[in-house]
Amino acid sequence: MATSNWRVAIRRDPDEVTRLVGVDRADLERSPFQRAQWLETWFGAYGRQGSGEIFAASIEDATTGEPVFVLPLMVESRGGIVRISAWDGGVSDYNGPVLSKNFAPGNADMRRLWDELVHALPAADLLALEKVPSAIGAIDNPLLAVDGVSLSRFTRHALPLPDDGDFEALRAKRFDPTHRRTLAKKRRKLQNKGRLEFAIVSAEAAAEPLDRILAWRSERFSTPSRAEEMRRCEDFYRSLCRETEIARVGRLTLDGRLIAGCFGTLTGATFQLLAVAHDAEFKNWSPGLLAIESSIALMCAQGVTVYDFTIGDEPYKLDFGVEIEKLYRLETGLTRKGRLYLFLRDRARWLKRLLGGRAPAGAAGSVVADAGRETSREESGRRANEA
């Protein structure tokens, strides 16, 4: 299909941006982190803080004006580099476009459209999208056809759930045998202490247990350098609970006392696990892992098809039998400064590997240190999980 059937546009007006991202039309495919309720909450929590320009890059039907590709983006300056990045802030585990099922350009057409869109972007040194999935819903992600795509250091960890909802069969087939036996033993020990119960709650009922989960997580992982990022992440999670219908909190209680919990989102037939924590007094019984196991069982019973452990390479995820899926990054230098930054960063990373993990000296060392801070920023809010 010729590119003349479409046109590119950059939408900066907040009302236009809200209109583009805020409607879950039946013909649109979205990742869980680009669903309308997620993006609207993100825009309220992060986009209105004035830290950078918020906009949406879109490809539209040239005849009807209907958007067929919408990429929520922002401009921010860090380390002397002006960057265009996704709506993330360390809380969005997958970053990709909102796609119409009717948008199916060939690779050559997509590259031409992307070049037009890049040339229309606001002034910046660098375009950098991280954690880009290979598919958006049932549609192959057209961004993988453009220049500048490489493998991300992040991966997705998804557990397919059985169509018949048979949790015991799933547990026997997918869980590591030692892990399965250990959880069963620890569950019995807790049951011998009292009434062990698990439930998933939402809306107002989720507020108090979510506060406890976040407090436990903060006690263990918060440091002065990460405190602000974690606080913003926690506030965002609370907003999801207050303002959307997708937030879910799992509560594991012993005689009514909360001893562990997990937090995530339910979007369509997939559940995304975003945080898990426990009362340190009960750590010997791994209550966080038991809460995850119980939440998997409930999701099976509710007809959920995928339990997504999202990004992060915590070993316990493999014990639950997840499938690891590749994610991608898309980087394009938009100015000489941006291209030089990418060149120096990649060379510095190569030198660091060559030197056995020691950062090189000089400008290259400075750039790789900046890249390290960028990675930490991606992880700081979200990757503070324990089980």
Protein backbone atom coordinates (compact mmCIF):
# COMPACT_ATOMS: atom_id res chain seq x y z
CA MET A 1 0.00 0.00 0.00
CA ALA A 2 1.43 3.40 -0.95
CA THR A 3 2.51 5.80 1.78
CA SER A 4 0.26 8.45 0.18
CA ASN A 5 -2.64 6.69 1.90
CA TRP A 6 -1.28 7.97 5.21
CA ARG A 7 0.12 11.17 6.64
CA VAL A 8 2.27 11.81 9.69
CA ALA A 9 1.49 14.33 12.41
CA ILE A 10 2.92 15.55 15.71
CA ARG A 11 0.20 16.40 18.22
CA ARG A 12 1.32 18.73 21.04
CA ASP A 13 -1.94 20.13 22.35
CA PRO A 14 -2.79 18.34 25.65
CA ASP A 15 -6.42 17.88 24.65
CA GLU A 16 -5.40 16.34 21.32
CA VAL A 17 -2.88 14.09 23.02
CA THR A 18 -5.49 12.96 25.54
CA ARG A 19 -7.94 12.23 22.71
CA LEU A 20 -5.38 10.15 20.83
CA VAL A 21 -4.31 7.98 23.76
CA GLY A 22 -7.52 7.91 25.74
CA VAL A 23 -9.87 5.83 23.62
CA ASP A 24 -9.70 2.02 23.54
CA ARG A 25 -11.41 1.62 20.17
CA ALA A 26 -12.23 -1.94 19.12
CA ASP A 27 -9.98 -1.65 16.05
CA LEU A 28 -6.91 -0.63 18.10
CA GLU A 29 -4.26 -2.95 19.51
CA ARG A 30 -2.22 -1.85 22.53
CA SER A 31 0.34 -3.35 24.84
CA PRO A 32 -0.80 -3.47 28.50
CA PHE A 33 1.28 -0.34 29.18
CA GLN A 34 -0.30 1.63 26.37
CA ARG A 35 -3.89 0.90 27.34
CA ALA A 36 -6.02 4.02 27.65
CA GLN A 37 -6.41 3.88 31.44
CA TRP A 38 -2.68 3.34 31.95
CA LEU A 39 -1.70 6.23 29.65
CA GLU A 40 -4.28 8.61 31.09
CA THR A 41 -3.04 7.89 34.61
CA TRP A 42 0.59 8.23 33.50
CA PHE A 43 -0.19 11.57 31.85
CA GLY A 44 -1.77 12.81 35.08
CA ALA A 45 1.07 11.57 37.28
CA TYR A 46 4.10 12.35 35.11
CA GLY A 47 3.06 14.37 32.08
CA ARG A 48 1.69 17.36 33.96
CA GLN A 49 4.75 17.82 36.16
CA GLY A 50 6.41 20.09 33.60
CA SER A 51 9.64 18.08 33.39
CA GLY A 52 9.54 17.95 29.59
CA GLU A 53 7.36 18.39 26.53
CA ILE A 54 4.69 15.71 26.15
CA PHE A 55 3.36 14.90 22.70
CA ALA A 56 2.11 12.12 20.46
CA ALA A 57 3.56 11.13 17.08
CA SER A 58 0.90 9.69 14.83
CA ILE A 59 0.31 8.22 11.41
CA GLU A 60 -3.20 8.95 10.19
CA ASP A 61 -5.45 7.83 7.39
CA ALA A 62 -5.03 10.52 4.73
CA THR A 63 -8.73 10.36 3.80
CA THR A 64 -10.54 10.03 7.14
CA GLY A 65 -7.95 11.51 9.49
CA GLU A 66 -8.35 8.52 11.81
CA PRO A 67 -5.09 7.64 13.65
CA VAL A 68 -3.72 4.22 12.74
CA PHE A 69 -0.40 4.50 14.61
CA VAL A 70 0.04 6.54 17.79
CA LEU A 71 3.32 6.72 19.71
CA PRO A 72 3.20 8.66 23.01
CA LEU A 73 6.53 10.49 23.42
CA MET A 74 8.22 13.10 25.58
CA VAL A 75 11.25 15.40 25.36
CA GLU A 76 13.61 15.51 28.33
CA SER A 77 17.16 16.64 28.93
CA ARG A 78 19.61 14.49 30.90
CA GLY A 79 23.38 14.59 31.00
CA GLY A 80 23.50 17.41 28.49
CA ILE A 81 21.63 15.32 25.88
CA VAL A 82 18.11 16.26 24.78
CA ARG A 83 16.24 13.00 24.30
CA ILE A 84 12.90 11.92 22.91
CA SER A 85 11.67 8.87 24.76
CA ALA A 86 8.50 6.94 25.54
CA TRP A 87 6.06 7.71 28.35
CA ASP A 88 7.90 5.62 30.89
CA GLY A 89 9.63 7.13 33.91
CA GLY A 90 10.60 3.64 35.04
CA VAL A 91 7.03 2.32 35.38
CA SER A 92 6.13 1.12 31.87
CA ASP A 93 7.56 -2.30 31.10
CA TYR A 94 6.80 -2.30 27.37
CA ASN A 95 6.89 0.77 25.12
CA GLY A 96 5.28 0.65 21.72
CA PRO A 97 2.69 2.28 19.50
CA VAL A 98 -1.06 2.05 19.61
CA LEU A 99 -1.94 0.34 16.31
CA SER A 100 -5.02 0.03 14.15
CA LYS A 101 -5.76 -3.46 12.89
CA ASN A 102 -6.18 -1.81 9.47
CA PHE A 103 -2.60 -0.47 9.43
CA ALA A 104 -0.44 -2.98 7.60
CA PRO A 105 2.38 -1.21 5.74
CA GLY A 106 5.15 -3.15 4.03
CA ASN A 107 8.62 -2.76 5.48
CA ALA A 108 9.69 -0.26 2.82
CA ASP A 109 6.54 1.84 3.34
CA MET A 110 7.02 1.78 7.10
CA ARG A 111 10.61 2.96 6.78
CA ARG A 112 9.51 5.87 4.58
CA LEU A 113 6.71 6.81 6.98
CA TRP A 114 9.09 6.56 9.93
CA ASP A 115 11.63 8.82 8.20
CA GLU A 116 8.87 11.40 7.64
CA LEU A 117 7.80 11.14 11.27
CA VAL A 118 11.39 11.46 12.58
CA HIS A 119 11.91 14.60 10.50
CA ALA A 120 8.75 16.09 12.04
CA LEU A 121 9.82 15.48 15.66
CA PRO A 122 10.60 18.36 18.03
CA ALA A 123 14.25 19.39 18.22
CA ALA A 124 16.35 16.86 20.15
CA ASP A 125 19.71 15.11 19.99
CA LEU A 126 18.48 11.58 20.32
CA LEU A 127 15.40 9.38 19.90
CA ALA A 128 15.60 6.43 22.29
CA LEU A 129 12.84 3.87 22.84
CA GLU A 130 13.56 0.99 25.21
CA LYS A 131 11.63 -2.23 25.99
CA VAL A 132 9.89 -2.35 22.61
CA PRO A 133 7.86 -5.57 22.06
CA SER A 134 7.93 -7.50 18.80
CA ALA A 135 4.14 -7.58 18.64
CA ILE A 136 1.33 -5.30 19.76
CA GLY A 137 -1.56 -7.58 20.60
CA ALA A 138 -2.02 -9.78 17.55
CA ILE A 139 -0.14 -7.40 15.20
CA ASP A 140 3.57 -7.53 14.39
CA ASN A 141 5.14 -4.30 15.59
CA PRO A 142 6.02 -2.25 12.47
CA LEU A 143 8.73 -0.39 14.40
CA LEU A 144 10.96 -3.45 14.11
CA ALA A 145 11.24 -2.73 10.36
CA VAL A 146 12.90 0.68 10.78
CA ASP A 147 16.60 1.51 11.13
CA GLY A 148 18.20 1.68 14.57
CA VAL A 149 16.59 -1.41 16.14
CA SER A 150 18.67 -3.75 18.32
CA LEU A 151 18.07 -6.20 21.16
CA SER A 152 17.19 -4.70 24.53
CA ARG A 153 18.88 -5.84 27.72
CA PHE A 154 15.36 -6.34 29.10
CA THR A 155 13.18 -9.38 28.42
CA ARG A 156 9.55 -10.30 29.01
CA HIS A 157 8.66 -13.23 31.28
CA ALA A 158 5.24 -14.62 30.39
CA LEU A 159 3.45 -17.67 31.78
CA PRO A 160 0.75 -18.98 29.42
CA LEU A 161 -2.27 -20.20 31.37
CA PRO A 162 -4.36 -23.22 30.26
CA ASP A 163 -7.54 -22.67 28.28
CA ASP A 164 -9.44 -24.99 30.63
CA GLY A 165 -8.27 -23.12 33.74
CA ASP A 166 -6.73 -26.24 35.29
CA PHE A 167 -4.22 -24.76 37.73
CA GLU A 168 -3.08 -28.10 39.14
CA ALA A 169 -2.19 -29.34 35.66
CA LEU A 170 -0.32 -26.09 34.98
CA ARG A 171 1.50 -26.37 38.28
CA ALA A 172 2.58 -29.95 37.55
CA LYS A 173 3.67 -29.14 34.01
CA ARG A 174 5.31 -25.71 34.29
CA PHE A 175 6.61 -25.20 37.84
CA ASP A 176 10.09 -26.39 38.73
CA PRO A 177 9.57 -29.64 40.73
CA THR A 178 11.73 -28.55 43.67
CA HIS A 179 10.05 -25.14 43.70
CA ARG A 180 6.61 -26.78 43.63
CA ARG A 181 7.41 -29.06 46.59
CA THR A 182 9.01 -26.24 48.60
CA LEU A 183 6.00 -23.98 48.18
CA ALA A 184 3.64 -26.78 49.19
CA LYS A 185 5.69 -27.47 52.33
CA LYS A 186 5.82 -23.80 53.35
CA ARG A 187 2.12 -23.36 52.68
CA ARG A 188 1.32 -26.30 54.98
CA LYS A 189 3.50 -24.83 57.73
CA LEU A 190 1.69 -21.52 57.57
CA GLN A 191 -1.68 -23.29 57.50
CA ASN A 192 -0.68 -25.08 60.69
CA LYS A 193 -0.20 -21.68 62.33
CA GLY A 194 -3.66 -20.41 61.52
CA ARG A 195 -6.18 -19.55 58.81
CA LEU A 196 -4.25 -18.80 55.59
CA GLU A 197 -6.36 -16.98 52.99
CA PHE A 198 -5.77 -15.24 49.68
CA ALA A 199 -7.97 -12.81 47.79
CA ILE A 200 -7.63 -10.33 44.95
CA VAL A 201 -9.19 -6.93 45.51
CA SER A 202 -9.50 -3.67 43.60
CA ALA A 203 -10.64 -0.06 43.91
CA GLU A 204 -11.13 1.14 47.52
CA ALA A 205 -10.52 -2.30 49.00
CA ALA A 206 -7.04 -2.33 47.43
CA ALA A 207 -5.79 0.96 48.91
CA GLU A 208 -4.73 -0.25 52.38
CA PRO A 209 -2.99 -3.50 51.31
CA LEU A 210 -1.24 -1.66 48.49
CA ASP A 211 0.14 0.85 51.00
CA ARG A 212 1.50 -2.02 53.08
CA ILE A 213 3.08 -3.74 50.07
CA LEU A 214 4.76 -0.52 48.97
CA ALA A 215 5.97 0.21 52.51
CA TRP A 216 7.57 -3.26 52.79
CA ARG A 217 9.19 -2.79 49.42
CA SER A 218 10.51 0.63 50.32
CA GLU A 219 11.93 -0.59 53.65
CA ARG A 220 14.00 -3.17 51.83
CA PHE A 221 15.04 -1.40 48.64
CA SER A 222 14.87 2.37 49.06
CA THR A 223 18.16 4.29 49.14
CA PRO A 224 18.76 8.05 49.12
CA SER A 225 19.64 7.95 45.41
CA ARG A 226 16.50 6.00 44.52
CA ALA A 227 14.02 7.48 46.97
CA GLU A 228 12.48 10.05 44.61
CA GLU A 229 12.04 7.60 41.72
CA MET A 230 10.45 5.03 44.06
CA ARG A 231 8.14 7.65 45.55
CA ARG A 232 6.89 8.69 42.10
CA CYS A 233 6.40 5.05 41.15
CA GLU A 234 4.43 4.37 44.34
CA ASP A 235 2.25 7.44 43.82
CA PHE A 236 1.56 6.26 40.28
CA TYR A 237 0.48 2.82 41.52
CA ARG A 238 -1.85 4.43 44.03
CA SER A 239 -3.34 6.54 41.25
CA LEU A 240 -3.94 3.41 39.18
CA CYS A 241 -5.87 1.93 42.11
CA ARG A 242 -7.93 5.07 42.69
CA GLU A 243 -8.65 6.07 39.12
CA THR A 244 -8.81 2.95 36.95
CA GLU A 245 -10.51 -0.40 36.71
CA ILE A 246 -7.37 -2.33 35.74
CA ALA A 247 -5.45 -2.35 39.07
CA ARG A 248 -5.51 -5.50 41.21
CA VAL A 249 -3.98 -6.25 44.62
CA GLY A 250 -3.47 -9.78 45.92
CA ARG A 251 -3.72 -10.19 49.74
CA LEU A 252 -2.23 -13.16 51.59
CA THR A 253 -3.44 -13.12 55.20
CA LEU A 254 -2.83 -15.28 58.27
CA ASP A 255 -5.73 -15.09 60.74
CA GLY A 256 -6.68 -11.83 59.06
CA ARG A 257 -3.20 -10.31 59.25
CA LEU A 258 -1.65 -9.28 55.94
CA ILE A 259 1.69 -11.08 55.55
CA ALA A 260 2.34 -10.65 51.82
CA GLY A 261 0.84 -9.19 48.71
CA CYS A 262 1.24 -8.54 45.03
CA PHE A 263 0.14 -5.71 42.77
CA GLY A 264 -0.56 -5.73 39.05
CA THR A 265 -2.95 -4.85 36.26
CA LEU A 266 -5.58 -6.94 34.52
CA THR A 267 -5.98 -5.87 30.89
CA GLY A 268 -8.25 -8.02 28.79
CA ALA A 269 -7.14 -11.61 29.29
CA THR A 270 -3.64 -10.85 30.60
CA PHE A 271 -2.39 -10.05 34.09
CA GLN A 272 0.82 -8.06 34.59
CA LEU A 273 2.66 -8.54 37.90
CA LEU A 274 4.27 -5.24 38.88
CA ALA A 275 5.19 -5.52 42.55
CA VAL A 276 5.40 -8.16 45.28
CA ALA A 277 6.53 -7.85 48.90
CA HIS A 278 6.08 -9.46 52.31
CA ASP A 279 6.25 -8.88 56.04
CA ALA A 280 9.87 -9.60 57.03
CA GLU A 281 8.65 -11.43 60.14
CA PHE A 282 7.39 -14.24 57.87
CA LYS A 283 10.30 -14.35 55.41
CA ASN A 284 11.21 -17.96 56.27
CA TRP A 285 7.95 -19.12 54.71
CA SER A 286 8.38 -17.20 51.42
CA PRO A 287 4.93 -15.61 51.64
CA GLY A 288 5.57 -13.45 48.57
CA LEU A 289 6.05 -16.55 46.43
CA LEU A 290 2.94 -18.09 47.97
CA ALA A 291 0.98 -14.95 47.10
CA ILE A 292 2.16 -15.22 43.49
CA GLU A 293 1.22 -18.90 43.34
CA SER A 294 -2.24 -18.15 44.75
CA SER A 295 -2.74 -15.28 42.31
CA ILE A 296 -1.84 -17.58 39.38
CA ALA A 297 -4.48 -20.07 40.60
CA LEU A 298 -7.12 -17.34 40.80
CA MET A 299 -6.26 -16.00 37.36
CA CYS A 300 -6.61 -19.50 35.95
CA ALA A 301 -10.07 -19.76 37.51
CA GLN A 302 -11.06 -16.39 36.02
CA GLY A 303 -10.13 -17.39 32.47
CA VAL A 304 -7.01 -15.23 32.18
CA THR A 305 -4.77 -16.56 29.40
CA VAL A 306 -1.36 -15.04 30.29
CA TYR A 307 0.22 -14.29 33.66
CA ASP A 308 2.95 -11.82 32.77
CA PHE A 309 5.87 -11.47 35.21
CA THR A 310 7.03 -8.56 32.97
CA ILE A 311 10.66 -7.39 32.91
CA GLY A 312 13.40 -8.10 35.43
CA ASP A 313 15.51 -11.24 35.64
CA GLU A 314 14.70 -12.36 39.19
CA PRO A 315 15.44 -16.12 39.35
CA TYR A 316 12.11 -17.05 40.95
CA LYS A 317 10.33 -16.27 37.70
CA LEU A 318 12.01 -19.23 36.01
CA ASP A 319 10.83 -21.46 38.86
CA PHE A 320 7.25 -20.66 37.83
CA GLY A 321 7.94 -21.86 34.28
CA VAL A 322 7.85 -18.56 32.40
CA GLU A 323 8.69 -18.20 28.73
CA ILE A 324 11.33 -15.54 28.02
CA GLU A 325 10.56 -13.20 25.12
CA LYS A 326 12.96 -10.73 23.53
CA LEU A 327 12.37 -7.01 23.72
CA TYR A 328 14.05 -4.40 21.54
CA ARG A 329 15.38 -0.88 21.64
CA LEU A 330 15.18 1.75 18.94
CA GLU A 331 17.79 4.50 18.91
CA THR A 332 18.42 7.21 16.35
CA GLY A 333 20.86 10.10 16.59
CA LEU A 334 19.04 13.23 15.46
CA THR A 335 22.00 15.63 15.62
CA ARG A 336 25.76 15.33 15.34
CA LYS A 337 25.89 15.50 19.13
CA GLY A 338 23.39 12.67 19.47
CA ARG A 339 25.17 10.47 16.93
CA LEU A 340 28.49 11.10 18.67
CA TYR A 341 26.93 10.20 22.02
CA LEU A 342 25.67 6.86 20.66
CA PHE A 343 29.04 6.10 19.07
CA LEU A 344 30.98 6.88 22.24
CA ARG A 345 28.53 5.00 24.44
CA ASP A 346 28.67 1.84 22.34
CA ARG A 347 32.47 2.03 22.12
CA ALA A 348 32.70 2.61 25.89
CA ARG A 349 30.53 -0.42 26.60
CA TRP A 350 32.74 -2.51 24.31
CA LEU A 351 35.85 -1.26 26.11
CA LYS A 352 34.28 -1.97 29.49
CA ARG A 353 33.62 -5.58 28.48
CA LEU A 354 37.19 -5.81 27.15
CA LEU A 355 38.53 -4.46 30.45
CA GLY A 356 36.60 -7.01 32.47
CA GLY A 357 33.93 -4.66 33.76
CA ARG A 358 36.15 -1.66 34.55
CA ALA A 359 34.96 1.62 33.05
CA PRO A 360 37.41 3.24 30.57
CA ALA A 361 38.94 6.59 31.41
CA GLY A 362 38.23 9.95 29.79
CA ALA A 363 35.22 10.91 27.69
CA ALA A 364 34.32 7.29 26.95
CA GLY A 365 34.22 6.52 30.67
CA SER A 366 31.98 9.53 31.28
CA VAL A 367 29.56 8.41 28.58
CA VAL A 368 29.37 4.81 29.82
CA ALA A 369 28.77 6.11 33.35
CA ASP A 370 25.89 8.20 32.00
CA ALA A 371 24.53 5.13 30.20
CA GLY A 372 24.73 3.24 33.48
CA ARG A 373 22.72 5.93 35.24
CA GLU A 374 20.17 5.74 32.45
CA THR A 375 19.80 1.98 32.97
CA SER A 376 19.42 2.51 36.72
CA ARG A 377 16.73 5.10 36.04
CA GLU A 378 14.83 2.62 33.88
CA GLU A 379 14.87 0.12 36.72
CA SER A 380 14.78 2.17 39.91
CA GLY A 381 11.05 2.63 40.33
CA ARG A 382 9.90 -0.78 39.14
CA ARG A 383 12.59 -3.31 39.74
CA ALA A 384 12.45 -3.18 43.51
CA ASN A 385 10.64 -6.47 44.00
CA GLU A 386 11.02 -9.28 46.45
CA ALA A 387 9.16 -12.53 46.76
